[in-house]
Amino acid sequence: MEDEVKIVLEDTVEKMDKAIEHLDKEMSKVRAGKANPKMLDGILVDYYGTMTPLAQVANINTPDPRTIAIQPWEKNLITAIEKAIMAANLGMNPDNNGDLVRINVPPLTEERRKDLVKMVKKLSEESRIGVRNARRDAIDEFKKLKKDGLPEDMEKDAADQAQKLTDQYMRKIDDLLEKKEKDIMTV
């Protein structure tokens, strides 16, 4: 029975880790006024008829805080990269000089910053829901195990451990949110 409790707790930790990873990944896509190559994650370029992630056909870097430079490995991809960026509807205009594509990241307005903070708060709330769902699933499993012969005090201890994990992951979410909020609101 103890092994089954451990397995359920390990599974719960795994689910909670996934919620945090997802939040971190989604937050990295939210631009905070300064250029970040991750802003272009998810952009697919038509590479000889195959939709390929931008990072696999070009080198992406940030020469300064307001510029993203995209150096394609093949010069004939420049127009395809430009089209893909325009189609992604990021609100940024690519500029090509024949060798590389530059994107100037415009500074954020106060209103846009507040909208981004709301969006980030929504993302973190979704992660909180994921963590709470993992806790609920674990507690349901403990109740099933109790019916199968798990002692009541062991079930209560396991549920307490699940709650402690939940509290720990909620603090991680709060920390990520606070950090991103500060990043967005910093001019």
N, C-alpha and C. Protein backbone atom coordinates (compact mmCIF):
# COMPACT_ATOMS: atom_id res chain seq x y z
N MET A 1 0.83 -1.21 0.00
CA MET A 1 0.00 0.00 0.00
C MET A 1 0.87 1.27 0.00
N GLU A 2 1.96 1.24 0.79
CA GLU A 2 2.84 2.42 0.83
C GLU A 2 3.41 2.72 -0.54
N ASP A 3 3.77 1.66 -1.28
CA ASP A 3 4.31 1.85 -2.62
C ASP A 3 3.29 2.52 -3.53
N GLU A 4 2.03 2.11 -3.40
CA GLU A 4 0.98 2.71 -4.23
C GLU A 4 0.81 4.19 -3.91
N VAL A 5 0.91 4.55 -2.63
CA VAL A 5 0.82 5.95 -2.22
C VAL A 5 1.98 6.74 -2.83
N LYS A 6 3.20 6.17 -2.78
CA LYS A 6 4.37 6.83 -3.37
C LYS A 6 4.18 7.05 -4.87
N ILE A 7 3.66 6.03 -5.53
CA ILE A 7 3.44 6.12 -6.98
C ILE A 7 2.46 7.25 -7.29
N VAL A 8 1.38 7.33 -6.52
CA VAL A 8 0.38 8.39 -6.73
C VAL A 8 1.01 9.76 -6.50
N LEU A 9 1.82 9.89 -5.44
CA LEU A 9 2.47 11.18 -5.15
C LEU A 9 3.48 11.55 -6.25
N GLU A 10 4.23 10.56 -6.73
CA GLU A 10 5.18 10.83 -7.82
C GLU A 10 4.44 11.28 -9.07
N ASP A 11 3.32 10.65 -9.35
CA ASP A 11 2.51 11.02 -10.50
C ASP A 11 1.98 12.45 -10.33
N THR A 12 1.60 12.78 -9.12
CA THR A 12 1.09 14.12 -8.82
C THR A 12 2.19 15.16 -9.05
N VAL A 13 3.40 14.87 -8.57
CA VAL A 13 4.53 15.79 -8.77
C VAL A 13 4.79 15.98 -10.27
N GLU A 14 4.71 14.89 -11.02
CA GLU A 14 4.94 14.96 -12.47
C GLU A 14 3.90 15.88 -13.13
N LYS A 15 2.64 15.72 -12.75
CA LYS A 15 1.57 16.55 -13.32
C LYS A 15 1.78 18.02 -12.95
N MET A 16 2.16 18.27 -11.70
CA MET A 16 2.37 19.64 -11.25
C MET A 16 3.58 20.27 -11.95
N ASP A 17 4.63 19.47 -12.16
CA ASP A 17 5.80 19.96 -12.90
C ASP A 17 5.41 20.36 -14.32
N LYS A 18 4.55 19.54 -14.93
CA LYS A 18 4.11 19.85 -16.29
C LYS A 18 3.33 21.17 -16.33
N ALA A 19 2.53 21.42 -15.30
CA ALA A 19 1.77 22.67 -15.24
C ALA A 19 2.73 23.86 -15.16
N ILE A 20 3.78 23.73 -14.35
CA ILE A 20 4.77 24.80 -14.21
C ILE A 20 5.56 24.98 -15.52
N GLU A 21 5.97 23.88 -16.14
CA GLU A 21 6.71 23.94 -17.41
C GLU A 21 5.87 24.64 -18.47
N HIS A 22 4.60 24.29 -18.53
CA HIS A 22 3.71 24.89 -19.52
C HIS A 22 3.59 26.39 -19.28
N LEU A 23 3.42 26.77 -18.03
CA LEU A 23 3.31 28.19 -17.69
C LEU A 23 4.58 28.93 -18.09
N ASP A 24 5.72 28.36 -17.78
CA ASP A 24 7.01 28.99 -18.10
C ASP A 24 7.15 29.17 -19.61
N LYS A 25 6.76 28.13 -20.35
CA LYS A 25 6.86 28.18 -21.81
C LYS A 25 5.93 29.26 -22.38
N GLU A 26 4.70 29.29 -21.88
CA GLU A 26 3.74 30.28 -22.37
C GLU A 26 4.16 31.70 -22.01
N MET A 27 4.70 31.88 -20.80
CA MET A 27 5.13 33.21 -20.37
C MET A 27 6.31 33.70 -21.20
N SER A 28 7.16 32.77 -21.62
CA SER A 28 8.32 33.19 -22.40
C SER A 28 7.90 33.76 -23.76
N LYS A 29 6.71 33.38 -24.23
CA LYS A 29 6.22 33.89 -25.51
C LYS A 29 5.65 35.30 -25.37
N VAL A 30 5.31 35.70 -24.15
CA VAL A 30 4.74 37.03 -23.93
C VAL A 30 5.88 38.04 -23.95
N ARG A 31 5.79 38.98 -24.87
CA ARG A 31 6.90 39.93 -24.96
C ARG A 31 6.77 41.01 -23.90
N ALA A 32 7.90 41.37 -23.35
CA ALA A 32 7.91 42.35 -22.28
C ALA A 32 8.60 43.64 -22.72
N GLY A 33 8.45 44.01 -23.99
CA GLY A 33 9.01 45.26 -24.46
C GLY A 33 10.43 45.13 -24.99
N LYS A 34 11.11 44.08 -24.60
CA LYS A 34 12.46 43.92 -25.15
C LYS A 34 12.49 42.67 -26.03
N ALA A 35 13.37 42.70 -26.99
CA ALA A 35 13.46 41.62 -27.97
C ALA A 35 13.90 40.32 -27.31
N ASN A 36 13.26 39.23 -27.72
CA ASN A 36 13.58 37.91 -27.20
C ASN A 36 13.35 36.90 -28.32
N PRO A 37 14.35 36.08 -28.66
CA PRO A 37 14.17 35.10 -29.74
C PRO A 37 12.97 34.16 -29.51
N LYS A 38 12.60 33.93 -28.26
CA LYS A 38 11.47 33.03 -27.98
C LYS A 38 10.15 33.60 -28.49
N MET A 39 10.13 34.91 -28.78
CA MET A 39 8.91 35.53 -29.31
C MET A 39 8.53 34.90 -30.65
N LEU A 40 9.51 34.34 -31.33
CA LEU A 40 9.28 33.77 -32.64
C LEU A 40 9.04 32.26 -32.60
N ASP A 41 8.99 31.68 -31.38
CA ASP A 41 8.68 30.26 -31.25
C ASP A 41 7.30 30.02 -31.84
N GLY A 42 7.15 28.94 -32.52
CA GLY A 42 5.84 28.62 -33.08
C GLY A 42 5.65 29.12 -34.50
N ILE A 43 6.59 29.91 -35.03
CA ILE A 43 6.48 30.38 -36.41
C ILE A 43 7.02 29.28 -37.32
N LEU A 44 6.21 28.91 -38.29
CA LEU A 44 6.59 27.87 -39.24
C LEU A 44 6.88 28.49 -40.60
N VAL A 45 7.98 28.08 -41.21
CA VAL A 45 8.41 28.60 -42.51
C VAL A 45 8.24 27.51 -43.55
N ASP A 46 7.79 27.90 -44.74
CA ASP A 46 7.66 26.95 -45.84
C ASP A 46 9.06 26.66 -46.38
N TYR A 47 9.59 25.51 -46.01
CA TYR A 47 10.94 25.11 -46.41
C TYR A 47 10.83 23.99 -47.43
N TYR A 48 10.88 24.35 -48.70
CA TYR A 48 10.74 23.38 -49.79
C TYR A 48 9.48 22.52 -49.63
N GLY A 49 8.37 23.18 -49.34
CA GLY A 49 7.09 22.48 -49.25
C GLY A 49 6.77 21.90 -47.89
N THR A 50 7.70 21.97 -46.95
CA THR A 50 7.47 21.44 -45.61
C THR A 50 7.43 22.58 -44.61
N MET A 51 6.40 22.60 -43.77
CA MET A 51 6.33 23.65 -42.75
C MET A 51 7.32 23.29 -41.64
N THR A 52 8.34 24.14 -41.47
CA THR A 52 9.45 23.88 -40.55
C THR A 52 9.56 25.02 -39.55
N PRO A 53 9.83 24.72 -38.26
CA PRO A 53 10.02 25.79 -37.29
C PRO A 53 11.15 26.74 -37.72
N LEU A 54 10.93 28.02 -37.53
CA LEU A 54 11.89 29.06 -37.92
C LEU A 54 13.28 28.79 -37.36
N ALA A 55 13.35 28.34 -36.11
CA ALA A 55 14.64 28.09 -35.47
C ALA A 55 15.45 26.99 -36.16
N GLN A 56 14.78 26.17 -36.99
CA GLN A 56 15.49 25.09 -37.68
C GLN A 56 16.01 25.49 -39.06
N VAL A 57 15.63 26.68 -39.52
CA VAL A 57 16.11 27.12 -40.84
C VAL A 57 16.91 28.41 -40.77
N ALA A 58 17.06 28.96 -39.56
CA ALA A 58 17.77 30.23 -39.43
C ALA A 58 18.34 30.37 -38.02
N ASN A 59 19.32 31.26 -37.93
CA ASN A 59 19.91 31.61 -36.63
C ASN A 59 19.19 32.86 -36.14
N ILE A 60 18.66 32.82 -34.93
CA ILE A 60 17.90 33.95 -34.40
C ILE A 60 18.66 34.51 -33.21
N ASN A 61 18.94 35.83 -33.22
CA ASN A 61 19.60 36.44 -32.06
C ASN A 61 19.10 37.87 -31.87
N THR A 62 19.53 38.46 -30.78
CA THR A 62 19.12 39.83 -30.45
C THR A 62 20.37 40.70 -30.30
N PRO A 63 20.73 41.44 -31.37
CA PRO A 63 21.92 42.29 -31.29
C PRO A 63 21.77 43.44 -30.29
N ASP A 64 20.54 43.89 -30.06
CA ASP A 64 20.28 44.91 -29.04
C ASP A 64 18.88 44.68 -28.47
N PRO A 65 18.54 45.36 -27.37
CA PRO A 65 17.25 45.07 -26.70
C PRO A 65 15.99 45.33 -27.54
N ARG A 66 16.11 46.05 -28.64
CA ARG A 66 14.95 46.38 -29.45
C ARG A 66 14.92 45.69 -30.81
N THR A 67 15.89 44.82 -31.09
CA THR A 67 15.99 44.21 -32.42
C THR A 67 16.17 42.70 -32.35
N ILE A 68 15.48 42.00 -33.24
CA ILE A 68 15.70 40.56 -33.42
C ILE A 68 16.28 40.41 -34.83
N ALA A 69 17.39 39.70 -34.93
CA ALA A 69 18.01 39.45 -36.23
C ALA A 69 17.85 37.97 -36.57
N ILE A 70 17.38 37.71 -37.78
CA ILE A 70 17.17 36.34 -38.24
C ILE A 70 18.07 36.12 -39.45
N GLN A 71 19.06 35.27 -39.29
CA GLN A 71 20.02 34.97 -40.35
C GLN A 71 19.68 33.58 -40.93
N PRO A 72 19.02 33.53 -42.10
CA PRO A 72 18.69 32.22 -42.67
C PRO A 72 19.95 31.50 -43.14
N TRP A 73 19.91 30.18 -43.09
CA TRP A 73 21.05 29.39 -43.52
C TRP A 73 21.11 29.33 -45.04
N GLU A 74 19.99 29.60 -45.70
CA GLU A 74 19.95 29.68 -47.15
C GLU A 74 19.29 31.00 -47.53
N LYS A 75 19.97 31.80 -48.34
CA LYS A 75 19.47 33.15 -48.67
C LYS A 75 18.10 33.13 -49.35
N ASN A 76 17.80 32.06 -50.10
CA ASN A 76 16.51 32.02 -50.79
C ASN A 76 15.32 31.87 -49.83
N LEU A 77 15.59 31.69 -48.53
CA LEU A 77 14.51 31.56 -47.55
C LEU A 77 14.05 32.91 -46.98
N ILE A 78 14.76 33.97 -47.30
CA ILE A 78 14.44 35.28 -46.70
C ILE A 78 12.98 35.67 -46.92
N THR A 79 12.49 35.55 -48.16
CA THR A 79 11.10 35.95 -48.41
C THR A 79 10.11 35.03 -47.69
N ALA A 80 10.42 33.73 -47.62
CA ALA A 80 9.55 32.78 -46.92
C ALA A 80 9.49 33.12 -45.43
N ILE A 81 10.64 33.51 -44.87
CA ILE A 81 10.69 33.88 -43.45
C ILE A 81 9.87 35.15 -43.22
N GLU A 82 10.03 36.12 -44.12
CA GLU A 82 9.24 37.36 -44.00
C GLU A 82 7.75 37.07 -44.04
N LYS A 83 7.33 36.24 -44.99
CA LYS A 83 5.91 35.88 -45.12
C LYS A 83 5.41 35.19 -43.86
N ALA A 84 6.22 34.27 -43.31
CA ALA A 84 5.81 33.52 -42.12
C ALA A 84 5.64 34.46 -40.93
N ILE A 85 6.52 35.44 -40.79
CA ILE A 85 6.43 36.39 -39.67
C ILE A 85 5.18 37.26 -39.83
N MET A 86 4.92 37.69 -41.05
CA MET A 86 3.72 38.50 -41.30
C MET A 86 2.46 37.68 -41.03
N ALA A 87 2.47 36.42 -41.47
CA ALA A 87 1.30 35.54 -41.29
C ALA A 87 1.06 35.21 -39.82
N ALA A 88 2.12 35.23 -39.00
CA ALA A 88 1.98 34.91 -37.58
C ALA A 88 1.24 35.99 -36.82
N ASN A 89 1.09 37.17 -37.45
CA ASN A 89 0.31 38.26 -36.86
C ASN A 89 0.80 38.64 -35.48
N LEU A 90 2.10 38.87 -35.35
CA LEU A 90 2.70 39.25 -34.06
C LEU A 90 2.68 40.75 -33.84
N GLY A 91 2.25 41.49 -34.86
CA GLY A 91 2.25 42.94 -34.74
C GLY A 91 3.64 43.52 -34.96
N MET A 92 4.50 42.78 -35.65
CA MET A 92 5.85 43.25 -35.92
C MET A 92 6.09 43.18 -37.43
N ASN A 93 6.82 44.16 -37.94
CA ASN A 93 7.11 44.19 -39.37
C ASN A 93 8.55 43.80 -39.63
N PRO A 94 8.75 42.71 -40.37
CA PRO A 94 10.12 42.30 -40.71
C PRO A 94 10.70 43.22 -41.78
N ASP A 95 12.00 43.40 -41.73
CA ASP A 95 12.71 44.24 -42.68
C ASP A 95 13.88 43.42 -43.19
N ASN A 96 13.96 43.23 -44.51
CA ASN A 96 15.04 42.38 -45.02
C ASN A 96 16.01 43.21 -45.84
N ASN A 97 17.31 42.95 -45.63
CA ASN A 97 18.34 43.69 -46.35
C ASN A 97 19.07 42.80 -47.35
N GLY A 98 18.50 41.66 -47.67
CA GLY A 98 19.13 40.75 -48.62
C GLY A 98 19.93 39.65 -47.95
N ASP A 99 20.48 39.92 -46.77
CA ASP A 99 21.27 38.92 -46.05
C ASP A 99 20.54 38.38 -44.83
N LEU A 100 19.84 39.27 -44.13
CA LEU A 100 19.13 38.85 -42.93
C LEU A 100 17.85 39.63 -42.76
N VAL A 101 16.97 39.09 -41.92
CA VAL A 101 15.70 39.74 -41.63
C VAL A 101 15.80 40.36 -40.25
N ARG A 102 15.48 41.64 -40.17
CA ARG A 102 15.50 42.34 -38.87
C ARG A 102 14.07 42.66 -38.47
N ILE A 103 13.81 42.53 -37.18
CA ILE A 103 12.51 42.92 -36.65
C ILE A 103 12.78 43.93 -35.54
N ASN A 104 12.23 45.13 -35.71
CA ASN A 104 12.33 46.12 -34.64
C ASN A 104 11.14 45.93 -33.72
N VAL A 105 11.44 45.71 -32.44
CA VAL A 105 10.39 45.49 -31.45
C VAL A 105 9.99 46.85 -30.89
N PRO A 106 8.76 47.27 -31.18
CA PRO A 106 8.34 48.59 -30.69
C PRO A 106 8.14 48.58 -29.17
N PRO A 107 8.40 49.72 -28.52
CA PRO A 107 8.16 49.77 -27.07
C PRO A 107 6.66 49.62 -26.80
N LEU A 108 6.34 49.05 -25.65
CA LEU A 108 4.94 48.81 -25.29
C LEU A 108 4.32 50.06 -24.68
N THR A 109 3.04 50.27 -25.00
CA THR A 109 2.30 51.37 -24.37
C THR A 109 1.85 50.89 -22.99
N GLU A 110 1.49 51.83 -22.13
CA GLU A 110 1.03 51.49 -20.78
C GLU A 110 -0.20 50.57 -20.85
N GLU A 111 -1.11 50.89 -21.77
CA GLU A 111 -2.32 50.08 -21.92
C GLU A 111 -1.99 48.65 -22.34
N ARG A 112 -1.06 48.53 -23.29
CA ARG A 112 -0.66 47.20 -23.77
C ARG A 112 0.02 46.41 -22.65
N ARG A 113 0.82 47.10 -21.83
CA ARG A 113 1.48 46.45 -20.70
C ARG A 113 0.43 45.87 -19.74
N LYS A 114 -0.60 46.66 -19.46
CA LYS A 114 -1.66 46.20 -18.55
C LYS A 114 -2.40 44.99 -19.14
N ASP A 115 -2.63 45.02 -20.47
CA ASP A 115 -3.27 43.88 -21.13
C ASP A 115 -2.41 42.63 -21.02
N LEU A 116 -1.09 42.81 -21.19
CA LEU A 116 -0.17 41.67 -21.09
C LEU A 116 -0.15 41.11 -19.67
N VAL A 117 -0.22 42.00 -18.67
CA VAL A 117 -0.25 41.53 -17.28
C VAL A 117 -1.52 40.71 -17.04
N LYS A 118 -2.65 41.18 -17.57
CA LYS A 118 -3.91 40.41 -17.44
C LYS A 118 -3.77 39.04 -18.09
N MET A 119 -3.13 39.02 -19.27
CA MET A 119 -2.96 37.76 -19.98
C MET A 119 -2.07 36.80 -19.18
N VAL A 120 -1.01 37.33 -18.59
CA VAL A 120 -0.08 36.51 -17.80
C VAL A 120 -0.79 35.99 -16.54
N LYS A 121 -1.62 36.83 -15.94
CA LYS A 121 -2.39 36.39 -14.77
C LYS A 121 -3.34 35.25 -15.15
N LYS A 122 -3.94 35.36 -16.33
CA LYS A 122 -4.85 34.31 -16.81
C LYS A 122 -4.06 33.01 -17.01
N LEU A 123 -2.87 33.13 -17.61
CA LEU A 123 -2.03 31.94 -17.82
C LEU A 123 -1.68 31.28 -16.49
N SER A 124 -1.33 32.10 -15.49
CA SER A 124 -0.96 31.52 -14.20
C SER A 124 -2.17 30.91 -13.50
N GLU A 125 -3.35 31.48 -13.71
CA GLU A 125 -4.56 30.88 -13.12
C GLU A 125 -4.83 29.51 -13.74
N GLU A 126 -4.58 29.40 -15.06
CA GLU A 126 -4.76 28.10 -15.72
C GLU A 126 -3.80 27.07 -15.13
N SER A 127 -2.57 27.50 -14.82
CA SER A 127 -1.60 26.59 -14.20
C SER A 127 -2.04 26.21 -12.79
N ARG A 128 -2.59 27.17 -12.06
CA ARG A 128 -3.09 26.87 -10.71
C ARG A 128 -4.18 25.80 -10.79
N ILE A 129 -5.05 25.95 -11.79
CA ILE A 129 -6.12 24.96 -11.97
C ILE A 129 -5.52 23.59 -12.25
N GLY A 130 -4.48 23.55 -13.08
CA GLY A 130 -3.81 22.28 -13.37
C GLY A 130 -3.23 21.64 -12.12
N VAL A 131 -2.61 22.47 -11.25
CA VAL A 131 -2.03 21.97 -10.00
C VAL A 131 -3.14 21.46 -9.08
N ARG A 132 -4.23 22.22 -8.97
CA ARG A 132 -5.34 21.79 -8.11
C ARG A 132 -5.98 20.50 -8.63
N ASN A 133 -6.07 20.37 -9.96
CA ASN A 133 -6.62 19.14 -10.53
C ASN A 133 -5.73 17.95 -10.20
N ALA A 134 -4.42 18.15 -10.23
CA ALA A 134 -3.49 17.07 -9.89
C ALA A 134 -3.69 16.66 -8.43
N ARG A 135 -3.89 17.65 -7.56
CA ARG A 135 -4.13 17.35 -6.14
C ARG A 135 -5.43 16.58 -5.98
N ARG A 136 -6.48 17.04 -6.65
CA ARG A 136 -7.78 16.38 -6.56
C ARG A 136 -7.69 14.93 -7.03
N ASP A 137 -7.00 14.71 -8.15
CA ASP A 137 -6.83 13.34 -8.67
C ASP A 137 -6.11 12.47 -7.64
N ALA A 138 -5.07 13.04 -7.00
CA ALA A 138 -4.31 12.28 -6.01
C ALA A 138 -5.21 11.91 -4.82
N ILE A 139 -5.98 12.87 -4.34
CA ILE A 139 -6.85 12.62 -3.18
C ILE A 139 -7.91 11.57 -3.55
N ASP A 140 -8.43 11.62 -4.78
CA ASP A 140 -9.39 10.60 -5.23
C ASP A 140 -8.74 9.21 -5.23
N GLU A 141 -7.49 9.17 -5.69
CA GLU A 141 -6.76 7.89 -5.70
C GLU A 141 -6.57 7.36 -4.27
N PHE A 142 -6.26 8.26 -3.34
CA PHE A 142 -6.06 7.85 -1.94
C PHE A 142 -7.36 7.29 -1.37
N LYS A 143 -8.49 7.90 -1.74
CA LYS A 143 -9.79 7.40 -1.27
C LYS A 143 -10.07 6.01 -1.82
N LYS A 144 -9.70 5.78 -3.09
CA LYS A 144 -9.88 4.44 -3.67
C LYS A 144 -8.99 3.44 -2.95
N LEU A 145 -7.75 3.86 -2.65
CA LEU A 145 -6.82 2.97 -1.94
C LEU A 145 -7.35 2.65 -0.54
N LYS A 146 -8.00 3.65 0.07
CA LYS A 146 -8.58 3.43 1.42
C LYS A 146 -9.65 2.35 1.35
N LYS A 147 -10.46 2.39 0.30
CA LYS A 147 -11.48 1.35 0.13
C LYS A 147 -10.84 -0.02 -0.07
N ASP A 148 -9.64 -0.02 -0.67
CA ASP A 148 -8.93 -1.28 -0.92
C ASP A 148 -8.10 -1.73 0.27
N GLY A 149 -8.20 -1.01 1.40
CA GLY A 149 -7.51 -1.48 2.60
C GLY A 149 -6.42 -0.56 3.13
N LEU A 150 -6.23 0.61 2.56
CA LEU A 150 -5.23 1.55 3.08
C LEU A 150 -5.73 2.10 4.42
N PRO A 151 -4.89 2.06 5.47
CA PRO A 151 -5.33 2.60 6.76
C PRO A 151 -5.71 4.09 6.64
N GLU A 152 -6.72 4.48 7.45
CA GLU A 152 -7.25 5.84 7.37
C GLU A 152 -6.19 6.90 7.66
N ASP A 153 -5.32 6.65 8.69
CA ASP A 153 -4.30 7.64 9.02
C ASP A 153 -3.28 7.79 7.88
N MET A 154 -2.99 6.70 7.19
CA MET A 154 -2.10 6.77 6.04
C MET A 154 -2.72 7.59 4.91
N GLU A 155 -4.02 7.41 4.73
CA GLU A 155 -4.73 8.17 3.68
C GLU A 155 -4.68 9.66 4.01
N LYS A 156 -4.90 10.00 5.29
CA LYS A 156 -4.87 11.40 5.70
C LYS A 156 -3.47 11.99 5.52
N ASP A 157 -2.43 11.22 5.89
CA ASP A 157 -1.05 11.68 5.71
C ASP A 157 -0.74 11.92 4.23
N ALA A 158 -1.19 11.00 3.39
CA ALA A 158 -0.95 11.13 1.96
C ALA A 158 -1.67 12.36 1.40
N ALA A 159 -2.90 12.59 1.86
CA ALA A 159 -3.65 13.77 1.41
C ALA A 159 -2.96 15.05 1.88
N ASP A 160 -2.40 15.02 3.10
CA ASP A 160 -1.65 16.18 3.62
C ASP A 160 -0.41 16.44 2.76
N GLN A 161 0.27 15.36 2.37
CA GLN A 161 1.45 15.51 1.51
C GLN A 161 1.06 16.12 0.17
N ALA A 162 -0.07 15.68 -0.38
CA ALA A 162 -0.56 16.23 -1.64
C ALA A 162 -0.86 17.72 -1.49
N GLN A 163 -1.42 18.11 -0.34
CA GLN A 163 -1.72 19.52 -0.10
C GLN A 163 -0.43 20.33 0.02
N LYS A 164 0.58 19.77 0.70
CA LYS A 164 1.87 20.46 0.84
C LYS A 164 2.50 20.67 -0.54
N LEU A 165 2.43 19.65 -1.38
CA LEU A 165 2.94 19.78 -2.76
C LEU A 165 2.20 20.90 -3.49
N THR A 166 0.88 20.91 -3.32
CA THR A 166 0.07 21.94 -3.97
C THR A 166 0.50 23.32 -3.53
N ASP A 167 0.67 23.52 -2.22
CA ASP A 167 1.11 24.82 -1.69
C ASP A 167 2.46 25.22 -2.28
N GLN A 168 3.37 24.25 -2.34
CA GLN A 168 4.71 24.50 -2.87
C GLN A 168 4.64 24.94 -4.34
N TYR A 169 3.83 24.26 -5.14
CA TYR A 169 3.72 24.61 -6.55
C TYR A 169 2.97 25.92 -6.76
N MET A 170 2.02 26.22 -5.89
CA MET A 170 1.32 27.51 -5.98
C MET A 170 2.31 28.66 -5.75
N ARG A 171 3.25 28.46 -4.79
CA ARG A 171 4.27 29.50 -4.56
C ARG A 171 5.15 29.67 -5.79
N LYS A 172 5.49 28.56 -6.45
CA LYS A 172 6.30 28.65 -7.68
C LYS A 172 5.57 29.45 -8.75
N ILE A 173 4.27 29.19 -8.89
CA ILE A 173 3.47 29.93 -9.87
C ILE A 173 3.44 31.41 -9.52
N ASP A 174 3.24 31.72 -8.23
CA ASP A 174 3.22 33.12 -7.80
C ASP A 174 4.55 33.80 -8.09
N ASP A 175 5.65 33.09 -7.85
CA ASP A 175 6.97 33.66 -8.12
C ASP A 175 7.16 33.94 -9.61
N LEU A 176 6.77 32.99 -10.45
CA LEU A 176 6.88 33.20 -11.90
C LEU A 176 6.03 34.39 -12.34
N LEU A 177 4.81 34.47 -11.80
CA LEU A 177 3.91 35.56 -12.15
C LEU A 177 4.50 36.90 -11.73
N GLU A 178 4.98 36.97 -10.50
CA GLU A 178 5.53 38.22 -9.98
C GLU A 178 6.72 38.68 -10.83
N LYS A 179 7.58 37.74 -11.17
CA LYS A 179 8.77 38.04 -11.97
C LYS A 179 8.37 38.56 -13.35
N LYS A 180 7.42 37.89 -14.00
CA LYS A 180 7.00 38.29 -15.35
C LYS A 180 6.27 39.63 -15.31
N GLU A 181 5.44 39.82 -14.29
CA GLU A 181 4.70 41.08 -14.14
C GLU A 181 5.68 42.25 -14.02
N LYS A 182 6.71 42.05 -13.19
CA LYS A 182 7.73 43.09 -13.00
C LYS A 182 8.45 43.36 -14.32
N ASP A 183 8.76 42.27 -15.05
CA ASP A 183 9.42 42.38 -16.34
C ASP A 183 8.58 43.18 -17.34
N ILE A 184 7.29 42.90 -17.37
CA ILE A 184 6.40 43.59 -18.31
C ILE A 184 6.24 45.07 -17.95
N MET A 185 6.09 45.35 -16.68
CA MET A 185 5.82 46.73 -16.26
C MET A 185 7.07 47.62 -16.23
N THR A 186 8.27 47.02 -16.33
CA THR A 186 9.49 47.80 -16.35
C THR A 186 9.65 48.44 -17.72
N VAL A 187 9.78 49.75 -17.72
CA VAL A 187 9.90 50.48 -19.00
C VAL A 187 11.36 50.56 -19.42
